[in-house]
Amino acid sequence: MLDEARSIGRIVGESISEGSYKNTTDVINALVIDTGGKSGPESVNKAMDILGKRGWKTSFNNLPISATLESPKWEANELIVRPFSAMYMENEPEILEAINRTAAKPDALVIVWAWMDGSRA
């Protein structure tokens, strides 16, 4: 699942966190990706197109804010794709520093949250 998410563009930064819910552990990978789009919405559309060709289907569309995708290949797991905003990474200073170090245009990046149910992943 992560390889599919990572393959939509150049990884600018990545973090991982865990949380528990109803006796399961969820693992959330946050990926900041440069898809080569000129804007956040264009980059989200590119990401969704690439993932769609790999079998991911939109299960919740709240664009231009975000979209949630699921794949029958990865039951109980989902990807949430949204345009980049620094506020979503305020607890990830290393990612914000990586964006500043690269030639990445923050307005054109996407965040992909790979949400994995640890009990079934």
PDB file of N, CA and C in Angstrom:
ATOM      1  N   MET A   1       0.811  -1.191   0.000  1.00  0.00           N
ATOM      2  CA  MET A   1       0.000   0.000   0.000  1.00  0.00           C
ATOM      3  C   MET A   1       0.859   1.262   0.000  1.00  0.00           C
ATOM      4  N   LEU A   2       1.868   1.287   0.849  1.00  0.00           N
ATOM      5  CA  LEU A   2       2.733   2.466   0.906  1.00  0.00           C
ATOM      6  C   LEU A   2       3.504   2.660  -0.391  1.00  0.00           C
ATOM      7  N   ASP A   3       3.945   1.563  -0.995  1.00  0.00           N
ATOM      8  CA  ASP A   3       4.662   1.687  -2.265  1.00  0.00           C
ATOM      9  C   ASP A   3       3.776   2.318  -3.332  1.00  0.00           C
ATOM     10  N   GLU A   4       2.491   1.949  -3.345  1.00  0.00           N
ATOM     11  CA  GLU A   4       1.568   2.543  -4.309  1.00  0.00           C
ATOM     12  C   GLU A   4       1.391   4.029  -4.031  1.00  0.00           C
ATOM     13  N   ALA A   5       1.263   4.404  -2.780  1.00  0.00           N
ATOM     14  CA  ALA A   5       1.128   5.818  -2.432  1.00  0.00           C
ATOM     15  C   ALA A   5       2.400   6.586  -2.780  1.00  0.00           C
ATOM     16  N   ARG A   6       3.543   6.014  -2.475  1.00  0.00           N
ATOM     17  CA  ARG A   6       4.824   6.699  -2.743  1.00  0.00           C
ATOM     18  C   ARG A   6       5.087   6.866  -4.234  1.00  0.00           C
ATOM     19  N   SER A   7       4.529   5.997  -5.052  1.00  0.00           N
ATOM     20  CA  SER A   7       4.846   6.004  -6.473  1.00  0.00           C
ATOM     21  C   SER A   7       4.130   7.094  -7.261  1.00  0.00           C
ATOM     22  N   ILE A   8       3.308   7.915  -6.613  1.00  0.00           N
ATOM     23  CA  ILE A   8       2.583   8.949  -7.362  1.00  0.00           C
ATOM     24  C   ILE A   8       3.439  10.176  -7.641  1.00  0.00           C
ATOM     25  N   GLY A   9       4.628  10.242  -7.059  1.00  0.00           N
ATOM     26  CA  GLY A   9       5.502  11.381  -7.296  1.00  0.00           C
ATOM     27  C   GLY A   9       6.741  11.310  -6.423  1.00  0.00           C
ATOM     28  N   ARG A  10       7.423  12.452  -6.322  1.00  0.00           N
ATOM     29  CA  ARG A  10       8.659  12.531  -5.538  1.00  0.00           C
ATOM     30  C   ARG A  10       8.313  12.806  -4.077  1.00  0.00           C
ATOM     31  N   ILE A  11       8.806  11.947  -3.193  1.00  0.00           N
ATOM     32  CA  ILE A  11       8.569  12.116  -1.759  1.00  0.00           C
ATOM     33  C   ILE A  11       9.406  13.283  -1.256  1.00  0.00           C
ATOM     34  N   VAL A  12       8.735  14.244  -0.636  1.00  0.00           N
ATOM     35  CA  VAL A  12       9.416  15.396  -0.049  1.00  0.00           C
ATOM     36  C   VAL A  12       9.631  15.170   1.439  1.00  0.00           C
ATOM     37  N   GLY A  13       8.687  14.508   2.085  1.00  0.00           N
ATOM     38  CA  GLY A  13       8.791  14.211   3.510  1.00  0.00           C
ATOM     39  C   GLY A  13       7.823  13.106   3.888  1.00  0.00           C
ATOM     40  N   GLU A  14       8.120  12.460   4.996  1.00  0.00           N
ATOM     41  CA  GLU A  14       7.292  11.339   5.442  1.00  0.00           C
ATOM     42  C   GLU A  14       7.383  11.201   6.954  1.00  0.00           C
ATOM     43  N   SER A  15       6.250  10.861   7.574  1.00  0.00           N
ATOM     44  CA  SER A  15       6.245  10.595   9.015  1.00  0.00           C
ATOM     45  C   SER A  15       5.282   9.446   9.286  1.00  0.00           C
ATOM     46  N   ILE A  16       5.366   8.909  10.488  1.00  0.00           N
ATOM     47  CA  ILE A  16       4.501   7.796  10.874  1.00  0.00           C
ATOM     48  C   ILE A  16       4.014   8.031  12.304  1.00  0.00           C
ATOM     49  N   SER A  17       2.764   7.658  12.543  1.00  0.00           N
ATOM     50  CA  SER A  17       2.219   7.746  13.899  1.00  0.00           C
ATOM     51  C   SER A  17       1.286   6.562  14.116  1.00  0.00           C
ATOM     52  N   GLU A  18       0.995   6.301  15.379  1.00  0.00           N
ATOM     53  CA  GLU A  18       0.108   5.195  15.733  1.00  0.00           C
ATOM     54  C   GLU A  18      -0.947   5.688  16.704  1.00  0.00           C
ATOM     55  N   GLY A  19      -2.104   5.048  16.654  1.00  0.00           N
ATOM     56  CA  GLY A  19      -3.169   5.345  17.590  1.00  0.00           C
ATOM     57  C   GLY A  19      -4.001   4.092  17.811  1.00  0.00           C
ATOM     58  N   SER A  20      -4.662   4.004  18.928  1.00  0.00           N
ATOM     59  CA  SER A  20      -5.496   2.842  19.243  1.00  0.00           C
ATOM     60  C   SER A  20      -6.958   3.226  19.201  1.00  0.00           C
ATOM     61  N   TYR A  21      -7.767   2.286  18.702  1.00  0.00           N
ATOM     62  CA  TYR A  21      -9.204   2.483  18.646  1.00  0.00           C
ATOM     63  C   TYR A  21      -9.872   1.120  18.678  1.00  0.00           C
ATOM     64  N   LYS A  22     -10.754   0.918  19.632  1.00  0.00           N
ATOM     65  CA  LYS A  22     -11.506  -0.343  19.765  1.00  0.00           C
ATOM     66  C   LYS A  22     -10.598  -1.571  19.673  1.00  0.00           C
ATOM     67  N   ASN A  23      -9.573  -1.586  20.479  1.00  0.00           N
ATOM     68  CA  ASN A  23      -8.646  -2.722  20.594  1.00  0.00           C
ATOM     69  C   ASN A  23      -7.840  -3.001  19.332  1.00  0.00           C
ATOM     70  N   THR A  24      -7.724  -2.031  18.444  1.00  0.00           N
ATOM     71  CA  THR A  24      -6.834  -2.181  17.299  1.00  0.00           C
ATOM     72  C   THR A  24      -5.852  -1.013  17.298  1.00  0.00           C
ATOM     73  N   THR A  25      -4.753  -1.202  16.652  1.00  0.00           N
ATOM     74  CA  THR A  25      -3.770  -0.143  16.500  1.00  0.00           C
ATOM     75  C   THR A  25      -3.774   0.306  15.059  1.00  0.00           C
ATOM     76  N   ASP A  26      -4.039   1.581  14.854  1.00  0.00           N
ATOM     77  CA  ASP A  26      -3.994   2.158  13.522  1.00  0.00           C
ATOM     78  C   ASP A  26      -2.640   2.816  13.321  1.00  0.00           C
ATOM     79  N   VAL A  27      -2.066   2.594  12.148  1.00  0.00           N
ATOM     80  CA  VAL A  27      -0.797   3.198  11.774  1.00  0.00           C
ATOM     81  C   VAL A  27      -1.082   4.188  10.657  1.00  0.00           C
ATOM     82  N   ILE A  28      -0.648   5.423  10.840  1.00  0.00           N
ATOM     83  CA  ILE A  28      -0.885   6.458   9.846  1.00  0.00           C
ATOM     84  C   ILE A  28       0.454   6.979   9.344  1.00  0.00           C
ATOM     85  N   ASN A  29       0.696   6.783   8.062  1.00  0.00           N
ATOM     86  CA  ASN A  29       1.867   7.348   7.416  1.00  0.00           C
ATOM     87  C   ASN A  29       1.430   8.617   6.707  1.00  0.00           C
ATOM     88  N   ALA A  30       2.106   9.710   6.973  1.00  0.00           N
ATOM     89  CA  ALA A  30       1.840  10.974   6.283  1.00  0.00           C
ATOM     90  C   ALA A  30       2.944  11.185   5.263  1.00  0.00           C
ATOM     91  N   LEU A  31       2.559  11.274   4.004  1.00  0.00           N
ATOM     92  CA  LEU A  31       3.511  11.469   2.916  1.00  0.00           C
ATOM     93  C   LEU A  31       3.253  12.824   2.277  1.00  0.00           C
ATOM     94  N   VAL A  32       4.278  13.621   2.138  1.00  0.00           N
ATOM     95  CA  VAL A  32       4.179  14.866   1.386  1.00  0.00           C
ATOM     96  C   VAL A  32       4.862  14.589   0.054  1.00  0.00           C
ATOM     97  N   ILE A  33       4.080  14.772  -1.029  1.00  0.00           N
ATOM     98  CA  ILE A  33       4.531  14.317  -2.341  1.00  0.00           C
ATOM     99  C   ILE A  33       4.405  15.432  -3.371  1.00  0.00           C
ATOM    100  N   ASP A  34       5.419  15.515  -4.219  1.00  0.00           N
ATOM    101  CA  ASP A  34       5.409  16.409  -5.372  1.00  0.00           C
ATOM    102  C   ASP A  34       5.016  15.573  -6.581  1.00  0.00           C
ATOM    103  N   THR A  35       3.798  15.771  -7.085  1.00  0.00           N
ATOM    104  CA  THR A  35       3.327  15.008  -8.248  1.00  0.00           C
ATOM    105  C   THR A  35       3.673  15.689  -9.567  1.00  0.00           C
ATOM    106  N   GLY A  36       4.241  16.884  -9.478  1.00  0.00           N
ATOM    107  CA  GLY A  36       4.549  17.636 -10.689  1.00  0.00           C
ATOM    108  C   GLY A  36       3.420  18.557 -11.120  1.00  0.00           C
ATOM    109  N   GLY A  37       2.358  18.629 -10.335  1.00  0.00           N
ATOM    110  CA  GLY A  37       1.254  19.536 -10.651  1.00  0.00           C
ATOM    111  C   GLY A  37       1.642  20.976 -10.397  1.00  0.00           C
ATOM    112  N   LYS A  38       0.844  21.880 -10.955  1.00  0.00           N
ATOM    113  CA  LYS A  38       1.123  23.309 -10.788  1.00  0.00           C
ATOM    114  C   LYS A  38       0.397  23.916  -9.597  1.00  0.00           C
ATOM    115  N   SER A  39      -0.570  23.179  -9.037  1.00  0.00           N
ATOM    116  CA  SER A  39      -1.328  23.660  -7.883  1.00  0.00           C
ATOM    117  C   SER A  39      -1.729  22.455  -7.041  1.00  0.00           C
ATOM    118  N   GLY A  40      -2.177  22.726  -5.828  1.00  0.00           N
ATOM    119  CA  GLY A  40      -2.625  21.639  -4.966  1.00  0.00           C
ATOM    120  C   GLY A  40      -3.759  20.834  -5.577  1.00  0.00           C
ATOM    121  N   PRO A  41      -4.824  21.496  -6.056  1.00  0.00           N
ATOM    122  CA  PRO A  41      -5.913  20.733  -6.662  1.00  0.00           C
ATOM    123  C   PRO A  41      -5.482  19.923  -7.888  1.00  0.00           C
ATOM    124  N   GLU A  42      -4.624  20.498  -8.720  1.00  0.00           N
ATOM    125  CA  GLU A  42      -4.128  19.752  -9.886  1.00  0.00           C
ATOM    126  C   GLU A  42      -3.313  18.541  -9.428  1.00  0.00           C
ATOM    127  N   SER A  43      -2.507  18.724  -8.406  1.00  0.00           N
ATOM    128  CA  SER A  43      -1.699  17.622  -7.889  1.00  0.00           C
ATOM    129  C   SER A  43      -2.564  16.523  -7.275  1.00  0.00           C
ATOM    130  N   VAL A  44      -3.633  16.917  -6.583  1.00  0.00           N
ATOM    131  CA  VAL A  44      -4.561  15.923  -6.031  1.00  0.00           C
ATOM    132  C   VAL A  44      -5.198  15.131  -7.164  1.00  0.00           C
ATOM    133  N   ASN A  45      -5.636  15.827  -8.217  1.00  0.00           N
ATOM    134  CA  ASN A  45      -6.234  15.125  -9.356  1.00  0.00           C
ATOM    135  C   ASN A  45      -5.257  14.157 -10.004  1.00  0.00           C
ATOM    136  N   LYS A  46      -3.993  14.579 -10.144  1.00  0.00           N
ATOM    137  CA  LYS A  46      -2.977  13.679 -10.706  1.00  0.00           C
ATOM    138  C   LYS A  46      -2.794  12.453  -9.823  1.00  0.00           C
ATOM    139  N   ALA A  47      -2.721  12.675  -8.513  1.00  0.00           N
ATOM    140  CA  ALA A  47      -2.553  11.561  -7.576  1.00  0.00           C
ATOM    141  C   ALA A  47      -3.728  10.598  -7.679  1.00  0.00           C
ATOM    142  N   MET A  48      -4.936  11.142  -7.725  1.00  0.00           N
ATOM    143  CA  MET A  48      -6.122  10.293  -7.812  1.00  0.00           C
ATOM    144  C   MET A  48      -6.174   9.526  -9.127  1.00  0.00           C
ATOM    145  N   ASP A  49      -5.747  10.155 -10.217  1.00  0.00           N
ATOM    146  CA  ASP A  49      -5.712   9.467 -11.512  1.00  0.00           C
ATOM    147  C   ASP A  49      -4.740   8.295 -11.476  1.00  0.00           C
ATOM    148  N   ILE A  50      -3.545   8.535 -10.936  1.00  0.00           N
ATOM    149  CA  ILE A  50      -2.526   7.476 -10.864  1.00  0.00           C
ATOM    150  C   ILE A  50      -3.029   6.335  -9.984  1.00  0.00           C
ATOM    151  N   LEU A  51      -3.555   6.679  -8.819  1.00  0.00           N
ATOM    152  CA  LEU A  51      -4.044   5.643  -7.911  1.00  0.00           C
ATOM    153  C   LEU A  51      -5.255   4.919  -8.503  1.00  0.00           C
ATOM    154  N   GLY A  52      -6.113   5.645  -9.217  1.00  0.00           N
ATOM    155  CA  GLY A  52      -7.263   5.026  -9.869  1.00  0.00           C
ATOM    156  C   GLY A  52      -6.859   3.965 -10.872  1.00  0.00           C
ATOM    157  N   LYS A  53      -5.766   4.204 -11.582  1.00  0.00           N
ATOM    158  CA  LYS A  53      -5.255   3.218 -12.547  1.00  0.00           C
ATOM    159  C   LYS A  53      -4.715   1.978 -11.845  1.00  0.00           C
ATOM    160  N   ARG A  54      -4.476   2.073 -10.544  1.00  0.00           N
ATOM    161  CA  ARG A  54      -3.969   0.932  -9.756  1.00  0.00           C
ATOM    162  C   ARG A  54      -5.089   0.281  -8.941  1.00  0.00           C
ATOM    163  N   GLY A  55      -6.328   0.637  -9.241  1.00  0.00           N
ATOM    164  CA  GLY A  55      -7.457  -0.017  -8.603  1.00  0.00           C
ATOM    165  C   GLY A  55      -8.063   0.705  -7.416  1.00  0.00           C
ATOM    166  N   TRP A  56      -7.520   1.867  -7.056  1.00  0.00           N
ATOM    167  CA  TRP A  56      -8.070   2.631  -5.934  1.00  0.00           C
ATOM    168  C   TRP A  56      -9.328   3.341  -6.394  1.00  0.00           C
ATOM    169  N   LYS A  57     -10.369   3.297  -5.569  1.00  0.00           N
ATOM    170  CA  LYS A  57     -11.656   3.930  -5.861  1.00  0.00           C
ATOM    171  C   LYS A  57     -11.944   4.998  -4.803  1.00  0.00           C
ATOM    172  N   THR A  58     -12.563   6.084  -5.233  1.00  0.00           N
ATOM    173  CA  THR A  58     -12.938   7.143  -4.304  1.00  0.00           C
ATOM    174  C   THR A  58     -14.129   6.680  -3.481  1.00  0.00           C
ATOM    175  N   SER A  59     -13.948   6.641  -2.170  1.00  0.00           N
ATOM    176  CA  SER A  59     -15.043   6.249  -1.284  1.00  0.00           C
ATOM    177  C   SER A  59     -15.708   7.470  -0.644  1.00  0.00           C
ATOM    178  N   PHE A  60     -14.992   8.592  -0.611  1.00  0.00           N
ATOM    179  CA  PHE A  60     -15.554   9.830  -0.078  1.00  0.00           C
ATOM    180  C   PHE A  60     -14.873  10.983  -0.799  1.00  0.00           C
ATOM    181  N   ASN A  61     -15.671  11.812  -1.447  1.00  0.00           N
ATOM    182  CA  ASN A  61     -15.131  12.926  -2.208  1.00  0.00           C
ATOM    183  C   ASN A  61     -15.579  14.226  -1.557  1.00  0.00           C
ATOM    184  N   ASN A  62     -14.614  14.944  -1.001  1.00  0.00           N
ATOM    185  CA  ASN A  62     -14.869  16.237  -0.398  1.00  0.00           C
ATOM    186  C   ASN A  62     -13.930  17.265  -1.033  1.00  0.00           C
ATOM    187  N   LEU A  63     -13.694  17.102  -2.343  1.00  0.00           N
ATOM    188  CA  LEU A  63     -12.789  18.008  -3.041  1.00  0.00           C
ATOM    189  C   LEU A  63     -13.416  19.389  -3.130  1.00  0.00           C
ATOM    190  N   PRO A  64     -12.645  20.435  -3.062  1.00  0.00           N
ATOM    191  CA  PRO A  64     -11.188  20.475  -3.163  1.00  0.00           C
ATOM    192  C   PRO A  64     -10.456  20.258  -1.848  1.00  0.00           C
ATOM    193  N   ILE A  65     -11.173  19.915  -0.776  1.00  0.00           N
ATOM    194  CA  ILE A  65     -10.525  19.748   0.523  1.00  0.00           C
ATOM    195  C   ILE A  65      -9.788  18.427   0.627  1.00  0.00           C
ATOM    196  N   SER A  66     -10.446  17.324   0.314  1.00  0.00           N
ATOM    197  CA  SER A  66      -9.798  16.016   0.406  1.00  0.00           C
ATOM    198  C   SER A  66     -10.630  14.969  -0.301  1.00  0.00           C
ATOM    199  N   ALA A  67     -10.016  13.826  -0.506  1.00  0.00           N
ATOM    200  CA  ALA A  67     -10.705  12.650  -1.039  1.00  0.00           C
ATOM    201  C   ALA A  67     -10.151  11.431  -0.329  1.00  0.00           C
ATOM    202  N   THR A  68     -11.020  10.475  -0.069  1.00  0.00           N
ATOM    203  CA  THR A  68     -10.623   9.217   0.556  1.00  0.00           C
ATOM    204  C   THR A  68     -10.742   8.117  -0.488  1.00  0.00           C
ATOM    205  N   LEU A  69      -9.687   7.311  -0.577  1.00  0.00           N
ATOM    206  CA  LEU A  69      -9.664   6.227  -1.550  1.00  0.00           C
ATOM    207  C   LEU A  69      -9.470   4.899  -0.849  1.00  0.00           C
ATOM    208  N   GLU A  70     -10.104   3.864  -1.408  1.00  0.00           N
ATOM    209  CA  GLU A  70      -9.966   2.505  -0.895  1.00  0.00           C
ATOM    210  C   GLU A  70      -9.637   1.578  -2.043  1.00  0.00           C
ATOM    211  N   SER A  71      -9.002   0.468  -1.718  1.00  0.00           N
ATOM    212  CA  SER A  71      -8.648  -0.530  -2.711  1.00  0.00           C
ATOM    213  C   SER A  71      -9.051  -1.910  -2.200  1.00  0.00           C
ATOM    214  N   PRO A  72      -9.668  -2.725  -3.056  1.00  0.00           N
ATOM    215  CA  PRO A  72     -10.013  -4.081  -2.610  1.00  0.00           C
ATOM    216  C   PRO A  72      -8.758  -4.899  -2.266  1.00  0.00           C
ATOM    217  N   LYS A  73      -7.651  -4.479  -2.796  1.00  0.00           N
ATOM    218  CA  LYS A  73      -6.375  -5.155  -2.514  1.00  0.00           C
ATOM    219  C   LYS A  73      -5.921  -4.912  -1.077  1.00  0.00           C
ATOM    220  N   TRP A  74      -6.363  -3.798  -0.482  1.00  0.00           N
ATOM    221  CA  TRP A  74      -5.922  -3.395   0.860  1.00  0.00           C
ATOM    222  C   TRP A  74      -7.141  -3.162   1.745  1.00  0.00           C
ATOM    223  N   GLU A  75      -7.877  -4.187   2.050  1.00  0.00           N
ATOM    224  CA  GLU A  75      -9.072  -4.062   2.877  1.00  0.00           C
ATOM    225  C   GLU A  75      -8.735  -3.434   4.235  1.00  0.00           C
ATOM    226  N   ALA A  76      -9.650  -2.642   4.735  1.00  0.00           N
ATOM    227  CA  ALA A  76      -9.547  -1.974   6.037  1.00  0.00           C
ATOM    228  C   ALA A  76      -8.474  -0.891   6.055  1.00  0.00           C
ATOM    229  N   ASN A  77      -7.918  -0.554   4.908  1.00  0.00           N
ATOM    230  CA  ASN A  77      -6.928   0.507   4.806  1.00  0.00           C
ATOM    231  C   ASN A  77      -7.441   1.545   3.822  1.00  0.00           C
ATOM    232  N   GLU A  78      -6.989   2.776   3.978  1.00  0.00           N
ATOM    233  CA  GLU A  78      -7.421   3.811   3.053  1.00  0.00           C
ATOM    234  C   GLU A  78      -6.349   4.871   2.894  1.00  0.00           C
ATOM    235  N   LEU A  79      -6.481   5.611   1.807  1.00  0.00           N
ATOM    236  CA  LEU A  79      -5.620   6.752   1.547  1.00  0.00           C
ATOM    237  C   LEU A  79      -6.489   8.002   1.556  1.00  0.00           C
ATOM    238  N   ILE A  80      -6.007   9.024   2.213  1.00  0.00           N
ATOM    239  CA  ILE A  80      -6.670  10.322   2.197  1.00  0.00           C
ATOM    240  C   ILE A  80      -5.713  11.272   1.486  1.00  0.00           C
ATOM    241  N   VAL A  81      -6.197  11.897   0.422  1.00  0.00           N
ATOM    242  CA  VAL A  81      -5.373  12.777  -0.405  1.00  0.00           C
ATOM    243  C   VAL A  81      -5.935  14.185  -0.306  1.00  0.00           C
ATOM    244  N   ARG A  82      -5.047  15.144  -0.061  1.00  0.00           N
ATOM    245  CA  ARG A  82      -5.494  16.535   0.023  1.00  0.00           C
ATOM    246  C   ARG A  82      -4.343  17.459  -0.372  1.00  0.00           C
ATOM    247  N   PRO A  83      -4.660  18.671  -0.802  1.00  0.00           N
ATOM    248  CA  PRO A  83      -3.593  19.633  -1.089  1.00  0.00           C
ATOM    249  C   PRO A  83      -2.784  19.910   0.182  1.00  0.00           C
ATOM    250  N   PHE A  84      -1.511  20.171   0.003  1.00  0.00           N
ATOM    251  CA  PHE A  84      -0.631  20.429   1.139  1.00  0.00           C
ATOM    252  C   PHE A  84      -1.012  21.732   1.832  1.00  0.00           C
ATOM    253  N   SER A  85      -0.947  21.701   3.140  1.00  0.00           N
ATOM    254  CA  SER A  85      -1.021  22.902   3.977  1.00  0.00           C
ATOM    255  C   SER A  85      -0.081  22.675   5.152  1.00  0.00           C
ATOM    256  N   ALA A  86       0.741  23.657   5.451  1.00  0.00           N
ATOM    257  CA  ALA A  86       1.713  23.523   6.540  1.00  0.00           C
ATOM    258  C   ALA A  86       1.033  23.235   7.872  1.00  0.00           C
ATOM    259  N   MET A  87      -0.219  23.670   8.042  1.00  0.00           N
ATOM    260  CA  MET A  87      -0.893  23.438   9.327  1.00  0.00           C
ATOM    261  C   MET A  87      -1.067  21.956   9.626  1.00  0.00           C
ATOM    262  N   TYR A  88      -1.138  21.118   8.597  1.00  0.00           N
ATOM    263  CA  TYR A  88      -1.275  19.682   8.828  1.00  0.00           C
ATOM    264  C   TYR A  88       0.047  19.038   9.245  1.00  0.00           C
ATOM    265  N   MET A  89       1.129  19.748   9.074  1.00  0.00           N
ATOM    266  CA  MET A  89       2.448  19.226   9.403  1.00  0.00           C
ATOM    267  C   MET A  89       3.123  20.024  10.511  1.00  0.00           C
ATOM    268  N   GLU A  90       2.357  20.801  11.270  1.00  0.00           N
ATOM    269  CA  GLU A  90       2.957  21.666  12.287  1.00  0.00           C
ATOM    270  C   GLU A  90       3.707  20.882  13.357  1.00  0.00           C
ATOM    271  N   ASN A  91       3.364  19.617  13.561  1.00  0.00           N
ATOM    272  CA  ASN A  91       4.083  18.771  14.521  1.00  0.00           C
ATOM    273  C   ASN A  91       5.181  17.952  13.857  1.00  0.00           C
ATOM    274  N   GLU A  92       5.465  18.271  12.617  1.00  0.00           N
ATOM    275  CA  GLU A  92       6.486  17.556  11.840  1.00  0.00           C
ATOM    276  C   GLU A  92       7.506  18.553  11.289  1.00  0.00           C
ATOM    277  N   PRO A  93       8.315  19.168  12.154  1.00  0.00           N
ATOM    278  CA  PRO A  93       9.234  20.201  11.671  1.00  0.00           C
ATOM    279  C   PRO A  93      10.245  19.690  10.645  1.00  0.00           C
ATOM    280  N   GLU A  94      10.600  18.411  10.724  1.00  0.00           N
ATOM    281  CA  GLU A  94      11.564  17.886   9.748  1.00  0.00           C
ATOM    282  C   GLU A  94      10.978  17.869   8.339  1.00  0.00           C
ATOM    283  N   ILE A  95       9.667  17.655   8.230  1.00  0.00           N
ATOM    284  CA  ILE A  95       9.032  17.695   6.915  1.00  0.00           C
ATOM    285  C   ILE A  95       8.989  19.127   6.401  1.00  0.00           C
ATOM    286  N   LEU A  96       8.645  20.062   7.259  1.00  0.00           N
ATOM    287  CA  LEU A  96       8.611  21.466   6.847  1.00  0.00           C
ATOM    288  C   LEU A  96      10.002  21.943   6.433  1.00  0.00           C
ATOM    289  N   GLU A  97      11.037  21.496   7.146  1.00  0.00           N
ATOM    290  CA  GLU A  97      12.413  21.845   6.780  1.00  0.00           C
ATOM    291  C   GLU A  97      12.779  21.238   5.430  1.00  0.00           C
ATOM    292  N   ALA A  98      12.348  19.998   5.183  1.00  0.00           N
ATOM    293  CA  ALA A  98      12.638  19.334   3.907  1.00  0.00           C
ATOM    294  C   ALA A  98      11.997  20.093   2.747  1.00  0.00           C
ATOM    295  N   ILE A  99      10.794  20.595   2.956  1.00  0.00           N
ATOM    296  CA  ILE A  99      10.129  21.372   1.911  1.00  0.00           C
ATOM    297  C   ILE A  99      10.924  22.640   1.629  1.00  0.00           C
ATOM    298  N   ASN A 100      11.404  23.290   2.673  1.00  0.00           N
ATOM    299  CA  ASN A 100      12.204  24.501   2.490  1.00  0.00           C
ATOM    300  C   ASN A 100      13.539  24.221   1.820  1.00  0.00           C
ATOM    301  N   ARG A 101      14.123  23.035   2.069  1.00  0.00           N
ATOM    302  CA  ARG A 101      15.425  22.679   1.489  1.00  0.00           C
ATOM    303  C   ARG A 101      15.318  22.319   0.014  1.00  0.00           C
ATOM    304  N   THR A 102      14.192  21.798  -0.390  1.00  0.00           N
ATOM    305  CA  THR A 102      14.038  21.351  -1.778  1.00  0.00           C
ATOM    306  C   THR A 102      13.493  22.486  -2.623  1.00  0.00           C
ATOM    307  N   ALA A 103      13.419  22.223  -3.881  1.00  0.00           N
ATOM    308  CA  ALA A 103      12.853  23.207  -4.800  1.00  0.00           C
ATOM    309  C   ALA A 103      11.338  23.063  -4.874  1.00  0.00           C
ATOM    310  N   ALA A 104      10.780  22.285  -3.966  1.00  0.00           N
ATOM    311  CA  ALA A 104       9.344  22.026  -3.995  1.00  0.00           C
ATOM    312  C   ALA A 104       8.548  23.313  -3.792  1.00  0.00           C
ATOM    313  N   LYS A 105       7.492  23.452  -4.566  1.00  0.00           N
ATOM    314  CA  LYS A 105       6.567  24.570  -4.418  1.00  0.00           C
ATOM    315  C   LYS A 105       5.452  24.097  -3.498  1.00  0.00           C
ATOM    316  N   PRO A 106       5.398  24.569  -2.255  1.00  0.00           N
ATOM    317  CA  PRO A 106       4.416  24.053  -1.295  1.00  0.00           C
ATOM    318  C   PRO A 106       2.975  24.066  -1.798  1.00  0.00           C
ATOM    319  N   ASP A 107       2.608  25.093  -2.573  1.00  0.00           N
ATOM    320  CA  ASP A 107       1.234  25.196  -3.070  1.00  0.00           C
ATOM    321  C   ASP A 107       0.869  24.073  -4.034  1.00  0.00           C
ATOM    322  N   ALA A 108       1.868  23.376  -4.555  1.00  0.00           N
ATOM    323  CA  ALA A 108       1.602  22.331  -5.551  1.00  0.00           C
ATOM    324  C   ALA A 108       1.793  20.921  -4.986  1.00  0.00           C
ATOM    325  N   LEU A 109       2.069  20.811  -3.699  1.00  0.00           N
ATOM    326  CA  LEU A 109       2.287  19.501  -3.090  1.00  0.00           C
ATOM    327  C   LEU A 109       0.971  18.885  -2.630  1.00  0.00           C
ATOM    328  N   VAL A 110       0.997  17.582  -2.405  1.00  0.00           N
ATOM    329  CA  VAL A 110      -0.140  16.896  -1.802  1.00  0.00           C
ATOM    330  C   VAL A 110       0.318  16.192  -0.538  1.00  0.00           C
ATOM    331  N   ILE A 111      -0.629  16.012   0.359  1.00  0.00           N
ATOM    332  CA  ILE A 111      -0.426  15.152   1.520  1.00  0.00           C
ATOM    333  C   ILE A 111      -1.247  13.900   1.280  1.00  0.00           C
ATOM    334  N   VAL A 112      -0.619  12.766   1.473  1.00  0.00           N
ATOM    335  CA  VAL A 112      -1.334  11.494   1.421  1.00  0.00           C
ATOM    336  C   VAL A 112      -1.196  10.860   2.791  1.00  0.00           C
ATOM    337  N   TRP A 113      -2.320  10.652   3.438  1.00  0.00           N
ATOM    338  CA  TRP A 113      -2.318   9.906   4.690  1.00  0.00           C
ATOM    339  C   TRP A 113      -2.682   8.477   4.365  1.00  0.00           C
ATOM    340  N   ALA A 114      -1.768   7.564   4.622  1.00  0.00           N
ATOM    341  CA  ALA A 114      -2.010   6.138   4.433  1.00  0.00           C
ATOM    342  C   ALA A 114      -2.439   5.598   5.792  1.00  0.00           C
ATOM    343  N   TRP A 115      -3.706   5.287   5.904  1.00  0.00           N
ATOM    344  CA  TRP A 115      -4.326   4.885   7.156  1.00  0.00           C
ATOM    345  C   TRP A 115      -4.442   3.378   7.152  1.00  0.00           C
ATOM    346  N   MET A 116      -3.661   2.713   7.996  1.00  0.00           N
ATOM    347  CA  MET A 116      -3.628   1.253   8.007  1.00  0.00           C
ATOM    348  C   MET A 116      -4.116   0.726   9.333  1.00  0.00           C
ATOM    349  N   ASP A 117      -5.094  -0.149   9.270  1.00  0.00           N
ATOM    350  CA  ASP A 117      -5.590  -0.824  10.460  1.00  0.00           C
ATOM    351  C   ASP A 117      -4.568  -1.892  10.806  1.00  0.00           C
ATOM    352  N   GLY A 118      -3.812  -1.669  11.857  1.00  0.00           N
ATOM    353  CA  GLY A 118      -2.723  -2.551  12.242  1.00  0.00           C
ATOM    354  C   GLY A 118      -3.165  -3.966  12.567  1.00  0.00           C
ATOM    355  N   SER A 119      -4.426  -4.155  12.895  1.00  0.00           N
ATOM    356  CA  SER A 119      -4.890  -5.507  13.201  1.00  0.00           C
ATOM    357  C   SER A 119      -5.062  -6.354  11.957  1.00  0.00           C
ATOM    358  N   ARG A 120      -5.128  -5.680  10.775  1.00  0.00           N
ATOM    359  CA  ARG A 120      -5.343  -6.426   9.536  1.00  0.00           C
ATOM    360  C   ARG A 120      -4.335  -6.089   8.459  1.00  0.00           C
ATOM    361  N   ALA A 121      -3.460  -5.116   8.698  1.00  0.00           N
ATOM    362  CA  ALA A 121      -2.523  -4.687   7.667  1.00  0.00           C
ATOM    363  C   ALA A 121      -1.413  -5.704   7.465  1.00  0.00           C
TER     364      ALA A 121
END
